Amino acid sequence: MKTVFPTEVPAGQILPDNVVEELMADDLLPEYDIDYSQARPNRFAQRKTAKTITLDPDVDSVFQTDEAVNTILWALIQSMPQTAYRKTA
């Protein structure tokens, strides 16, 4: 049986049920079948580096912007002994 593509069917022509079922089973042309097992991550996509934290509602009401939160956190970090916040590699 010859494969019939939708673009080859004249407008208004009624197709037999078996042809319609064949068309509905795989609506992509064979050259568009993608082997996802060989897919790789997009090296150009941006990496997410920001972390999100949730503040308690009462703490959130104290700060107007994220910059204000960061300013206070940096002040706290600088007041701590260096060994308390230094990452160990």
N, C-alpha and C. Protein backbone atom coordinates (compact mmCIF):
# COMPACT_ATOMS: atom_id res chain seq x y z
N MET A 1 0.84 -1.17 0.00
CA MET A 1 0.00 0.00 0.00
C MET A 1 0.89 1.24 0.00
N LYS A 2 0.60 2.21 -0.85
CA LYS A 2 1.37 3.44 -0.96
C LYS A 2 1.02 4.38 0.19
N THR A 3 2.06 5.00 0.79
CA THR A 3 1.83 5.96 1.85
C THR A 3 1.27 7.24 1.26
N VAL A 4 0.20 7.73 1.84
CA VAL A 4 -0.45 8.95 1.37
C VAL A 4 -0.25 10.03 2.42
N PHE A 5 0.28 11.17 1.99
CA PHE A 5 0.48 12.30 2.88
C PHE A 5 -0.68 13.28 2.69
N PRO A 6 -1.06 14.00 3.75
CA PRO A 6 -2.21 14.91 3.66
C PRO A 6 -2.07 15.94 2.54
N THR A 7 -0.86 16.34 2.22
CA THR A 7 -0.68 17.34 1.16
C THR A 7 -0.95 16.77 -0.22
N GLU A 8 -0.99 15.45 -0.33
CA GLU A 8 -1.22 14.81 -1.63
C GLU A 8 -2.70 14.56 -1.90
N VAL A 9 -3.54 14.80 -0.91
CA VAL A 9 -4.96 14.52 -1.05
C VAL A 9 -5.65 15.77 -1.58
N PRO A 10 -6.35 15.66 -2.72
CA PRO A 10 -7.08 16.82 -3.24
C PRO A 10 -8.17 17.26 -2.28
N ALA A 11 -8.41 18.56 -2.24
CA ALA A 11 -9.42 19.11 -1.34
C ALA A 11 -10.78 18.51 -1.64
N GLY A 12 -11.50 18.15 -0.60
CA GLY A 12 -12.85 17.62 -0.75
C GLY A 12 -12.91 16.13 -0.98
N GLN A 13 -11.77 15.46 -1.20
CA GLN A 13 -11.78 14.02 -1.44
C GLN A 13 -11.93 13.28 -0.11
N ILE A 14 -12.74 12.26 -0.10
CA ILE A 14 -12.95 11.45 1.10
C ILE A 14 -12.03 10.24 1.01
N LEU A 15 -11.28 10.04 2.08
CA LEU A 15 -10.33 8.93 2.11
C LEU A 15 -10.95 7.72 2.78
N PRO A 16 -10.52 6.53 2.38
CA PRO A 16 -11.00 5.32 3.05
C PRO A 16 -10.54 5.31 4.52
N ASP A 17 -11.28 4.60 5.37
CA ASP A 17 -10.99 4.57 6.80
C ASP A 17 -9.58 4.10 7.10
N ASN A 18 -9.10 3.08 6.38
CA ASN A 18 -7.77 2.56 6.67
C ASN A 18 -6.68 3.60 6.37
N VAL A 19 -6.88 4.44 5.37
CA VAL A 19 -5.92 5.49 5.04
C VAL A 19 -5.96 6.58 6.11
N VAL A 20 -7.15 6.92 6.55
CA VAL A 20 -7.30 7.93 7.60
C VAL A 20 -6.63 7.44 8.88
N GLU A 21 -6.83 6.18 9.24
CA GLU A 21 -6.20 5.62 10.44
C GLU A 21 -4.68 5.66 10.32
N GLU A 22 -4.17 5.38 9.14
CA GLU A 22 -2.72 5.42 8.93
C GLU A 22 -2.19 6.85 9.08
N LEU A 23 -2.93 7.81 8.56
CA LEU A 23 -2.51 9.20 8.68
C LEU A 23 -2.57 9.67 10.13
N MET A 24 -3.58 9.23 10.86
CA MET A 24 -3.73 9.66 12.24
C MET A 24 -2.72 8.99 13.17
N ALA A 25 -2.25 7.80 12.81
CA ALA A 25 -1.32 7.06 13.65
C ALA A 25 0.01 7.81 13.79
N ASP A 26 0.50 8.37 12.73
CA ASP A 26 1.77 9.10 12.76
C ASP A 26 1.65 10.28 11.82
N ASP A 27 1.42 11.47 12.38
CA ASP A 27 1.20 12.63 11.54
C ASP A 27 2.49 13.34 11.14
N LEU A 28 3.65 12.84 11.60
CA LEU A 28 4.93 13.43 11.20
C LEU A 28 5.53 12.65 10.05
N LEU A 29 6.21 13.36 9.19
CA LEU A 29 6.94 12.69 8.13
C LEU A 29 8.11 11.92 8.74
N PRO A 30 8.55 10.86 8.10
CA PRO A 30 9.63 10.04 8.68
C PRO A 30 10.90 10.82 9.00
N GLU A 31 11.22 11.83 8.20
CA GLU A 31 12.46 12.58 8.45
C GLU A 31 12.36 13.46 9.70
N TYR A 32 11.16 13.61 10.27
CA TYR A 32 11.00 14.39 11.49
C TYR A 32 10.94 13.51 12.74
N ASP A 33 11.05 12.21 12.59
CA ASP A 33 11.09 11.34 13.76
C ASP A 33 12.41 11.60 14.48
N ILE A 34 12.33 11.92 15.76
CA ILE A 34 13.51 12.32 16.53
C ILE A 34 13.89 11.22 17.50
N ASP A 35 15.16 10.90 17.53
CA ASP A 35 15.68 9.92 18.48
C ASP A 35 16.13 10.67 19.72
N TYR A 36 15.27 10.74 20.73
CA TYR A 36 15.56 11.52 21.93
C TYR A 36 16.67 10.91 22.78
N SER A 37 17.01 9.65 22.53
CA SER A 37 18.08 9.04 23.31
C SER A 37 19.43 9.67 23.01
N GLN A 38 19.55 10.36 21.89
CA GLN A 38 20.81 11.01 21.53
C GLN A 38 20.80 12.51 21.81
N ALA A 39 19.75 13.00 22.47
CA ALA A 39 19.65 14.43 22.78
C ALA A 39 20.66 14.81 23.85
N ARG A 40 21.18 16.03 23.75
CA ARG A 40 22.14 16.55 24.73
C ARG A 40 21.61 17.87 25.28
N PRO A 41 22.04 18.25 26.48
CA PRO A 41 21.60 19.53 27.04
C PRO A 41 22.08 20.69 26.16
N ASN A 42 21.31 21.76 26.14
CA ASN A 42 21.67 22.94 25.37
C ASN A 42 22.80 23.67 26.08
N ARG A 43 23.97 23.70 25.47
CA ARG A 43 25.13 24.33 26.11
C ARG A 43 25.02 25.85 26.11
N PHE A 44 24.12 26.40 25.32
CA PHE A 44 23.95 27.84 25.25
C PHE A 44 22.88 28.36 26.21
N ALA A 45 22.14 27.47 26.82
CA ALA A 45 21.09 27.88 27.75
C ALA A 45 21.73 28.44 29.02
N GLN A 46 21.08 29.43 29.58
CA GLN A 46 21.61 30.04 30.79
C GLN A 46 21.44 29.09 31.96
N ARG A 47 22.45 29.07 32.78
CA ARG A 47 22.40 28.27 34.00
C ARG A 47 21.69 29.09 35.08
N LYS A 48 20.87 28.44 35.85
CA LYS A 48 20.20 29.13 36.95
C LYS A 48 21.17 29.17 38.13
N THR A 49 21.52 30.38 38.53
CA THR A 49 22.45 30.52 39.64
C THR A 49 21.79 31.14 40.86
N ALA A 50 20.66 31.77 40.70
CA ALA A 50 19.99 32.43 41.82
C ALA A 50 19.24 31.39 42.64
N LYS A 51 19.28 31.57 43.95
CA LYS A 51 18.53 30.71 44.85
C LYS A 51 17.34 31.51 45.38
N THR A 52 16.27 30.83 45.61
CA THR A 52 15.07 31.48 46.14
C THR A 52 14.88 31.03 47.57
N ILE A 53 14.65 31.99 48.45
CA ILE A 53 14.34 31.66 49.84
C ILE A 53 12.99 32.26 50.18
N THR A 54 12.31 31.65 51.12
CA THR A 54 11.02 32.14 51.55
C THR A 54 11.15 32.71 52.96
N LEU A 55 10.73 33.94 53.12
CA LEU A 55 10.77 34.60 54.43
C LEU A 55 9.43 34.41 55.13
N ASP A 56 9.48 34.32 56.43
CA ASP A 56 8.24 34.31 57.20
C ASP A 56 7.52 35.63 56.97
N PRO A 57 6.19 35.64 57.01
CA PRO A 57 5.44 36.87 56.75
C PRO A 57 5.85 38.04 57.63
N ASP A 58 6.13 37.79 58.92
CA ASP A 58 6.51 38.89 59.80
C ASP A 58 7.89 39.45 59.45
N VAL A 59 8.80 38.59 58.99
CA VAL A 59 10.13 39.05 58.55
C VAL A 59 9.98 39.80 57.23
N ASP A 60 9.16 39.28 56.35
CA ASP A 60 8.95 39.90 55.04
C ASP A 60 8.39 41.32 55.18
N SER A 61 7.58 41.55 56.18
CA SER A 61 6.97 42.88 56.34
C SER A 61 7.99 43.94 56.72
N VAL A 62 9.16 43.54 57.22
CA VAL A 62 10.21 44.48 57.62
C VAL A 62 10.94 45.05 56.40
N PHE A 63 11.10 44.25 55.36
CA PHE A 63 11.90 44.63 54.20
C PHE A 63 11.02 45.05 53.03
N GLN A 64 11.45 46.12 52.36
CA GLN A 64 10.69 46.64 51.21
C GLN A 64 11.17 46.02 49.89
N THR A 65 12.47 45.73 49.80
CA THR A 65 13.03 45.21 48.54
C THR A 65 13.99 44.06 48.83
N ASP A 66 14.34 43.33 47.79
CA ASP A 66 15.33 42.27 47.94
C ASP A 66 16.71 42.85 48.23
N GLU A 67 16.97 44.06 47.75
CA GLU A 67 18.25 44.71 48.03
C GLU A 67 18.40 45.00 49.52
N ALA A 68 17.31 45.36 50.18
CA ALA A 68 17.35 45.62 51.62
C ALA A 68 17.69 44.33 52.38
N VAL A 69 17.11 43.23 51.96
CA VAL A 69 17.40 41.94 52.59
C VAL A 69 18.87 41.60 52.40
N ASN A 70 19.38 41.76 51.18
CA ASN A 70 20.78 41.45 50.90
C ASN A 70 21.73 42.34 51.69
N THR A 71 21.39 43.61 51.82
CA THR A 71 22.23 44.54 52.59
C THR A 71 22.36 44.08 54.04
N ILE A 72 21.24 43.72 54.64
CA ILE A 72 21.25 43.26 56.04
C ILE A 72 22.01 41.94 56.17
N LEU A 73 21.79 41.04 55.23
CA LEU A 73 22.49 39.75 55.29
C LEU A 73 23.99 39.93 55.15
N TRP A 74 24.43 40.81 54.24
CA TRP A 74 25.87 41.06 54.08
C TRP A 74 26.46 41.69 55.34
N ALA A 75 25.72 42.57 55.97
CA ALA A 75 26.20 43.18 57.21
C ALA A 75 26.35 42.10 58.29
N LEU A 76 25.40 41.19 58.36
CA LEU A 76 25.46 40.10 59.33
C LEU A 76 26.65 39.19 59.03
N ILE A 77 26.84 38.85 57.78
CA ILE A 77 27.94 37.97 57.38
C ILE A 77 29.28 38.61 57.73
N GLN A 78 29.43 39.90 57.48
CA GLN A 78 30.69 40.58 57.75
C GLN A 78 30.97 40.70 59.25
N SER A 79 29.92 40.66 60.06
CA SER A 79 30.12 40.74 61.51
C SER A 79 30.48 39.38 62.11
N MET A 80 30.31 38.31 61.36
CA MET A 80 30.60 36.97 61.85
C MET A 80 32.09 36.67 61.71
N PRO A 81 32.63 35.79 62.54
CA PRO A 81 34.02 35.36 62.33
C PRO A 81 34.14 34.69 60.97
N GLN A 82 35.26 34.90 60.29
CA GLN A 82 35.42 34.39 58.93
C GLN A 82 35.23 32.89 58.84
N THR A 83 35.67 32.15 59.80
CA THR A 83 35.57 30.69 59.73
C THR A 83 34.13 30.21 59.79
N ALA A 84 33.23 31.04 60.27
CA ALA A 84 31.82 30.63 60.41
C ALA A 84 31.12 30.55 59.06
N TYR A 85 31.52 31.33 58.11
CA TYR A 85 30.81 31.34 56.83
C TYR A 85 31.67 30.95 55.65
N ARG A 86 32.93 30.69 55.83
CA ARG A 86 33.79 30.30 54.70
C ARG A 86 33.45 28.86 54.29
N LYS A 87 33.27 28.67 52.99
CA LYS A 87 32.99 27.32 52.47
C LYS A 87 34.27 26.50 52.51
N THR A 88 34.12 25.25 52.89
CA THR A 88 35.28 24.36 52.86
C THR A 88 35.22 23.55 51.58
N ALA A 89 36.34 23.50 50.90
CA ALA A 89 36.37 22.78 49.62
C ALA A 89 36.85 21.37 49.80
